[in-house]
Amino acid sequence: MPIHPDAADFARQTENEWQDLRTEASELPYPWAPAYRSLIEAAYAAPELRALYPFTSHWALRFSTTTRPELTLTGPCLTANGDGTYGVGTGFLTPNLGLFATPSEAVALAVRHLSS
Protein backbone atom coordinates (compact mmCIF):
# COMPACT_ATOMS: atom_id res chain seq x y z
CA MET A 1 0.00 0.00 0.00
CA PRO A 2 1.63 3.31 -1.05
CA ILE A 3 2.10 6.08 1.48
CA HIS A 4 0.18 9.25 0.72
CA PRO A 5 2.69 11.91 -0.47
CA ASP A 6 1.59 14.32 2.26
CA ALA A 7 2.26 11.71 4.96
CA ALA A 8 5.68 10.94 3.50
CA ASP A 9 6.52 14.65 3.33
CA PHE A 10 5.40 15.14 6.95
CA ALA A 11 7.56 12.19 8.06
CA ARG A 12 10.60 13.52 6.19
CA GLN A 13 10.23 17.06 7.53
CA THR A 14 9.62 15.74 11.04
CA GLU A 15 12.73 13.56 11.01
CA ASN A 16 14.79 16.45 9.62
CA GLU A 17 13.57 18.74 12.40
CA TRP A 18 14.39 16.10 15.04
CA GLN A 19 17.90 15.74 13.63
CA ASP A 20 18.38 19.51 13.65
CA LEU A 21 17.23 19.69 17.29
CA ARG A 22 19.54 16.85 18.29
CA THR A 23 22.50 18.49 16.56
CA GLU A 24 21.75 21.87 18.10
CA ALA A 25 21.40 20.32 21.58
CA SER A 26 24.73 18.53 21.24
CA GLU A 27 26.53 21.78 20.41
CA LEU A 28 25.15 24.13 23.06
CA PRO A 29 27.81 25.63 25.35
CA TYR A 30 25.53 26.49 28.29
CA PRO A 31 25.76 24.94 31.78
CA TRP A 32 22.22 23.57 31.39
CA ALA A 33 22.97 22.05 27.96
CA PRO A 34 23.54 18.45 29.18
CA ALA A 35 20.08 18.37 30.79
CA TYR A 36 18.48 19.86 27.68
CA ARG A 37 20.33 17.37 25.46
CA SER A 38 19.10 14.50 27.67
CA LEU A 39 15.53 15.73 27.34
CA ILE A 40 15.75 15.98 23.54
CA GLU A 41 17.25 12.48 23.32
CA ALA A 42 14.65 10.99 25.69
CA ALA A 43 11.82 12.55 23.68
CA TYR A 44 13.34 11.32 20.41
CA ALA A 45 13.57 7.79 21.86
CA ALA A 46 9.79 7.72 22.44
CA PRO A 47 8.12 6.63 19.17
CA GLU A 48 4.92 8.49 20.05
CA LEU A 49 6.78 11.80 20.32
CA ARG A 50 9.24 11.08 17.51
CA ALA A 51 6.23 10.78 15.17
CA LEU A 52 5.27 14.39 15.95
CA TYR A 53 6.89 17.52 14.55
CA PRO A 54 9.10 18.96 17.33
CA PHE A 55 9.83 22.62 17.87
CA THR A 56 11.25 24.76 20.63
CA SER A 57 10.64 28.19 22.04
CA HIS A 58 12.80 29.50 24.87
CA TRP A 59 14.32 25.98 24.98
CA ALA A 60 10.94 24.41 25.82
CA LEU A 61 10.13 21.36 23.70
CA ARG A 62 6.71 21.34 22.06
CA PHE A 63 5.01 19.13 19.47
CA SER A 64 2.78 19.63 16.45
CA THR A 65 0.72 17.47 14.13
CA THR A 66 1.65 19.80 11.26
CA THR A 67 4.91 21.34 10.07
CA ARG A 68 5.92 24.96 9.83
CA PRO A 69 4.67 27.54 9.14
CA GLU A 70 1.26 26.55 10.54
CA LEU A 71 1.91 24.50 13.66
CA THR A 72 -0.94 22.61 15.32
CA LEU A 73 0.00 22.11 18.97
CA THR A 74 -0.52 18.74 20.56
CA GLY A 75 0.53 17.25 23.87
CA PRO A 76 2.28 18.91 26.77
CA CYS A 77 5.35 21.14 26.90
CA LEU A 78 8.64 19.66 28.18
CA THR A 79 11.42 21.62 29.88
CA ALA A 80 14.86 20.93 31.29
CA ASN A 81 15.22 23.19 34.29
CA GLY A 82 18.33 24.80 35.74
CA ASP A 83 17.90 22.94 39.02
CA GLY A 84 18.25 19.55 37.29
CA THR A 85 14.55 18.77 37.14
CA TYR A 86 12.41 18.16 34.07
CA GLY A 87 8.99 19.77 33.79
CA VAL A 88 5.84 18.74 32.01
CA GLY A 89 2.98 21.16 31.58
CA THR A 90 -0.13 21.97 29.64
CA GLY A 91 1.04 25.51 29.02
CA PHE A 92 4.24 27.16 27.94
CA LEU A 93 6.93 26.76 30.64
CA THR A 94 4.36 25.82 33.28
CA PRO A 95 5.17 22.43 34.85
CA ASN A 96 1.65 21.99 36.17
CA LEU A 97 1.62 18.27 35.29
CA GLY A 98 4.80 17.50 37.20
CA LEU A 99 8.48 17.90 37.91
CA PHE A 100 10.75 14.89 37.57
CA ALA A 101 14.32 13.91 38.38
CA THR A 102 14.91 12.26 35.00
CA PRO A 103 14.01 13.13 31.42
CA SER A 104 12.60 9.64 30.84
CA GLU A 105 10.01 10.19 33.61
CA ALA A 106 8.97 13.50 32.06
CA VAL A 107 8.74 11.97 28.60
CA ALA A 108 6.67 9.04 29.89
CA LEU A 109 4.13 11.47 31.37
CA ALA A 110 4.08 13.50 28.16
CA VAL A 111 3.32 10.35 26.16
CA ARG A 112 0.48 9.45 28.54
CA HIS A 113 -1.00 12.93 28.04
CA LEU A 114 -0.97 12.72 24.25
CA SER A 115 -4.21 10.77 24.19
CA SER A 116 -5.96 12.83 26.88
C-alpha atoms as a PDB file:
ATOM      1  CA  MET A   1       0.000   0.000   0.000  1.00  0.00           C
ATOM      2  CA  PRO A   2       1.631   3.306  -1.050  1.00  0.00           C
ATOM      3  CA  ILE A   3       2.100   6.080   1.478  1.00  0.00           C
ATOM      4  CA  HIS A   4       0.182   9.249   0.718  1.00  0.00           C
ATOM      5  CA  PRO A   5       2.689  11.908  -0.467  1.00  0.00           C
ATOM      6  CA  ASP A   6       1.591  14.318   2.265  1.00  0.00           C
ATOM      7  CA  ALA A   7       2.258  11.711   4.959  1.00  0.00           C
ATOM      8  CA  ALA A   8       5.679  10.941   3.504  1.00  0.00           C
ATOM      9  CA  ASP A   9       6.524  14.647   3.334  1.00  0.00           C
ATOM     10  CA  PHE A  10       5.405  15.143   6.952  1.00  0.00           C
ATOM     11  CA  ALA A  11       7.556  12.185   8.059  1.00  0.00           C
ATOM     12  CA  ARG A  12      10.602  13.518   6.186  1.00  0.00           C
ATOM     13  CA  GLN A  13      10.230  17.057   7.528  1.00  0.00           C
ATOM     14  CA  THR A  14       9.615  15.739  11.043  1.00  0.00           C
ATOM     15  CA  GLU A  15      12.731  13.560  11.010  1.00  0.00           C
ATOM     16  CA  ASN A  16      14.788  16.454   9.620  1.00  0.00           C
ATOM     17  CA  GLU A  17      13.565  18.736  12.404  1.00  0.00           C
ATOM     18  CA  TRP A  18      14.389  16.101  15.039  1.00  0.00           C
ATOM     19  CA  GLN A  19      17.897  15.743  13.634  1.00  0.00           C
ATOM     20  CA  ASP A  20      18.377  19.511  13.645  1.00  0.00           C
ATOM     21  CA  LEU A  21      17.228  19.692  17.289  1.00  0.00           C
ATOM     22  CA  ARG A  22      19.544  16.848  18.294  1.00  0.00           C
ATOM     23  CA  THR A  23      22.501  18.491  16.559  1.00  0.00           C
ATOM     24  CA  GLU A  24      21.751  21.870  18.102  1.00  0.00           C
ATOM     25  CA  ALA A  25      21.397  20.323  21.575  1.00  0.00           C
ATOM     26  CA  SER A  26      24.725  18.531  21.240  1.00  0.00           C
ATOM     27  CA  GLU A  27      26.527  21.777  20.410  1.00  0.00           C
ATOM     28  CA  LEU A  28      25.146  24.132  23.063  1.00  0.00           C
ATOM     29  CA  PRO A  29      27.815  25.628  25.349  1.00  0.00           C
ATOM     30  CA  TYR A  30      25.530  26.491  28.287  1.00  0.00           C
ATOM     31  CA  PRO A  31      25.761  24.940  31.778  1.00  0.00           C
ATOM     32  CA  TRP A  32      22.222  23.567  31.394  1.00  0.00           C
ATOM     33  CA  ALA A  33      22.966  22.045  27.963  1.00  0.00           C
ATOM     34  CA  PRO A  34      23.541  18.448  29.178  1.00  0.00           C
ATOM     35  CA  ALA A  35      20.079  18.372  30.789  1.00  0.00           C
ATOM     36  CA  TYR A  36      18.483  19.857  27.678  1.00  0.00           C
ATOM     37  CA  ARG A  37      20.328  17.371  25.462  1.00  0.00           C
ATOM     38  CA  SER A  38      19.103  14.500  27.667  1.00  0.00           C
ATOM     39  CA  LEU A  39      15.526  15.734  27.340  1.00  0.00           C
ATOM     40  CA  ILE A  40      15.747  15.978  23.540  1.00  0.00           C
ATOM     41  CA  GLU A  41      17.245  12.478  23.323  1.00  0.00           C
ATOM     42  CA  ALA A  42      14.651  10.986  25.687  1.00  0.00           C
ATOM     43  CA  ALA A  43      11.817  12.546  23.680  1.00  0.00           C
ATOM     44  CA  TYR A  44      13.339  11.322  20.410  1.00  0.00           C
ATOM     45  CA  ALA A  45      13.569   7.795  21.857  1.00  0.00           C
ATOM     46  CA  ALA A  46       9.786   7.722  22.440  1.00  0.00           C
ATOM     47  CA  PRO A  47       8.121   6.627  19.167  1.00  0.00           C
ATOM     48  CA  GLU A  48       4.920   8.492  20.046  1.00  0.00           C
ATOM     49  CA  LEU A  49       6.783  11.796  20.319  1.00  0.00           C
ATOM     50  CA  ARG A  50       9.241  11.083  17.509  1.00  0.00           C
ATOM     51  CA  ALA A  51       6.226  10.782  15.166  1.00  0.00           C
ATOM     52  CA  LEU A  52       5.266  14.386  15.952  1.00  0.00           C
ATOM     53  CA  TYR A  53       6.895  17.515  14.550  1.00  0.00           C
ATOM     54  CA  PRO A  54       9.098  18.958  17.329  1.00  0.00           C
ATOM     55  CA  PHE A  55       9.834  22.617  17.872  1.00  0.00           C
ATOM     56  CA  THR A  56      11.245  24.764  20.633  1.00  0.00           C
ATOM     57  CA  SER A  57      10.642  28.191  22.042  1.00  0.00           C
ATOM     58  CA  HIS A  58      12.804  29.501  24.870  1.00  0.00           C
ATOM     59  CA  TRP A  59      14.320  25.975  24.978  1.00  0.00           C
ATOM     60  CA  ALA A  60      10.938  24.409  25.820  1.00  0.00           C
ATOM     61  CA  LEU A  61      10.135  21.359  23.697  1.00  0.00           C
ATOM     62  CA  ARG A  62       6.711  21.341  22.059  1.00  0.00           C
ATOM     63  CA  PHE A  63       5.011  19.129  19.474  1.00  0.00           C
ATOM     64  CA  SER A  64       2.784  19.635  16.451  1.00  0.00           C
ATOM     65  CA  THR A  65       0.721  17.467  14.127  1.00  0.00           C
ATOM     66  CA  THR A  66       1.650  19.804  11.262  1.00  0.00           C
ATOM     67  CA  THR A  67       4.905  21.338  10.074  1.00  0.00           C
ATOM     68  CA  ARG A  68       5.924  24.965   9.830  1.00  0.00           C
ATOM     69  CA  PRO A  69       4.674  27.537   9.143  1.00  0.00           C
ATOM     70  CA  GLU A  70       1.262  26.554  10.537  1.00  0.00           C
ATOM     71  CA  LEU A  71       1.915  24.499  13.657  1.00  0.00           C
ATOM     72  CA  THR A  72      -0.935  22.609  15.322  1.00  0.00           C
ATOM     73  CA  LEU A  73      -0.002  22.108  18.968  1.00  0.00           C
ATOM     74  CA  THR A  74      -0.519  18.740  20.560  1.00  0.00           C
ATOM     75  CA  GLY A  75       0.529  17.248  23.870  1.00  0.00           C
ATOM     76  CA  PRO A  76       2.279  18.913  26.765  1.00  0.00           C
ATOM     77  CA  CYS A  77       5.347  21.143  26.900  1.00  0.00           C
ATOM     78  CA  LEU A  78       8.639  19.663  28.184  1.00  0.00           C
ATOM     79  CA  THR A  79      11.419  21.618  29.883  1.00  0.00           C
ATOM     80  CA  ALA A  80      14.857  20.929  31.285  1.00  0.00           C
ATOM     81  CA  ASN A  81      15.223  23.192  34.288  1.00  0.00           C
ATOM     82  CA  GLY A  82      18.333  24.805  35.737  1.00  0.00           C
ATOM     83  CA  ASP A  83      17.897  22.936  39.019  1.00  0.00           C
ATOM     84  CA  GLY A  84      18.254  19.554  37.292  1.00  0.00           C
ATOM     85  CA  THR A  85      14.553  18.765  37.141  1.00  0.00           C
ATOM     86  CA  TYR A  86      12.411  18.165  34.070  1.00  0.00           C
ATOM     87  CA  GLY A  87       8.994  19.769  33.791  1.00  0.00           C
ATOM     88  CA  VAL A  88       5.836  18.738  32.008  1.00  0.00           C
ATOM     89  CA  GLY A  89       2.983  21.164  31.580  1.00  0.00           C
ATOM     90  CA  THR A  90      -0.130  21.966  29.642  1.00  0.00           C
ATOM     91  CA  GLY A  91       1.044  25.511  29.022  1.00  0.00           C
ATOM     92  CA  PHE A  92       4.237  27.162  27.943  1.00  0.00           C
ATOM     93  CA  LEU A  93       6.934  26.764  30.641  1.00  0.00           C
ATOM     94  CA  THR A  94       4.357  25.820  33.278  1.00  0.00           C
ATOM     95  CA  PRO A  95       5.171  22.434  34.848  1.00  0.00           C
ATOM     96  CA  ASN A  96       1.651  21.993  36.171  1.00  0.00           C
ATOM     97  CA  LEU A  97       1.622  18.274  35.291  1.00  0.00           C
ATOM     98  CA  GLY A  98       4.796  17.497  37.204  1.00  0.00           C
ATOM     99  CA  LEU A  99       8.483  17.904  37.908  1.00  0.00           C
ATOM    100  CA  PHE A 100      10.755  14.887  37.565  1.00  0.00           C
ATOM    101  CA  ALA A 101      14.321  13.910  38.385  1.00  0.00           C
ATOM    102  CA  THR A 102      14.909  12.259  35.004  1.00  0.00           C
ATOM    103  CA  PRO A 103      14.015  13.134  31.424  1.00  0.00           C
ATOM    104  CA  SER A 104      12.596   9.644  30.844  1.00  0.00           C
ATOM    105  CA  GLU A 105      10.014  10.186  33.613  1.00  0.00           C
ATOM    106  CA  ALA A 106       8.973  13.504  32.065  1.00  0.00           C
ATOM    107  CA  VAL A 107       8.742  11.968  28.597  1.00  0.00           C
ATOM    108  CA  ALA A 108       6.668   9.042  29.892  1.00  0.00           C
ATOM    109  CA  LEU A 109       4.130  11.467  31.370  1.00  0.00           C
ATOM    110  CA  ALA A 110       4.078  13.501  28.157  1.00  0.00           C
ATOM    111  CA  VAL A 111       3.316  10.347  26.160  1.00  0.00           C
ATOM    112  CA  ARG A 112       0.478   9.449  28.538  1.00  0.00           C
ATOM    113  CA  HIS A 113      -0.997  12.928  28.036  1.00  0.00           C
ATOM    114  CA  LEU A 114      -0.972  12.723  24.248  1.00  0.00           C
ATOM    115  CA  SER A 115      -4.210  10.772  24.186  1.00  0.00           C
ATOM    116  CA  SER A 116      -5.963  12.829  26.880  1.00  0.00           C
END
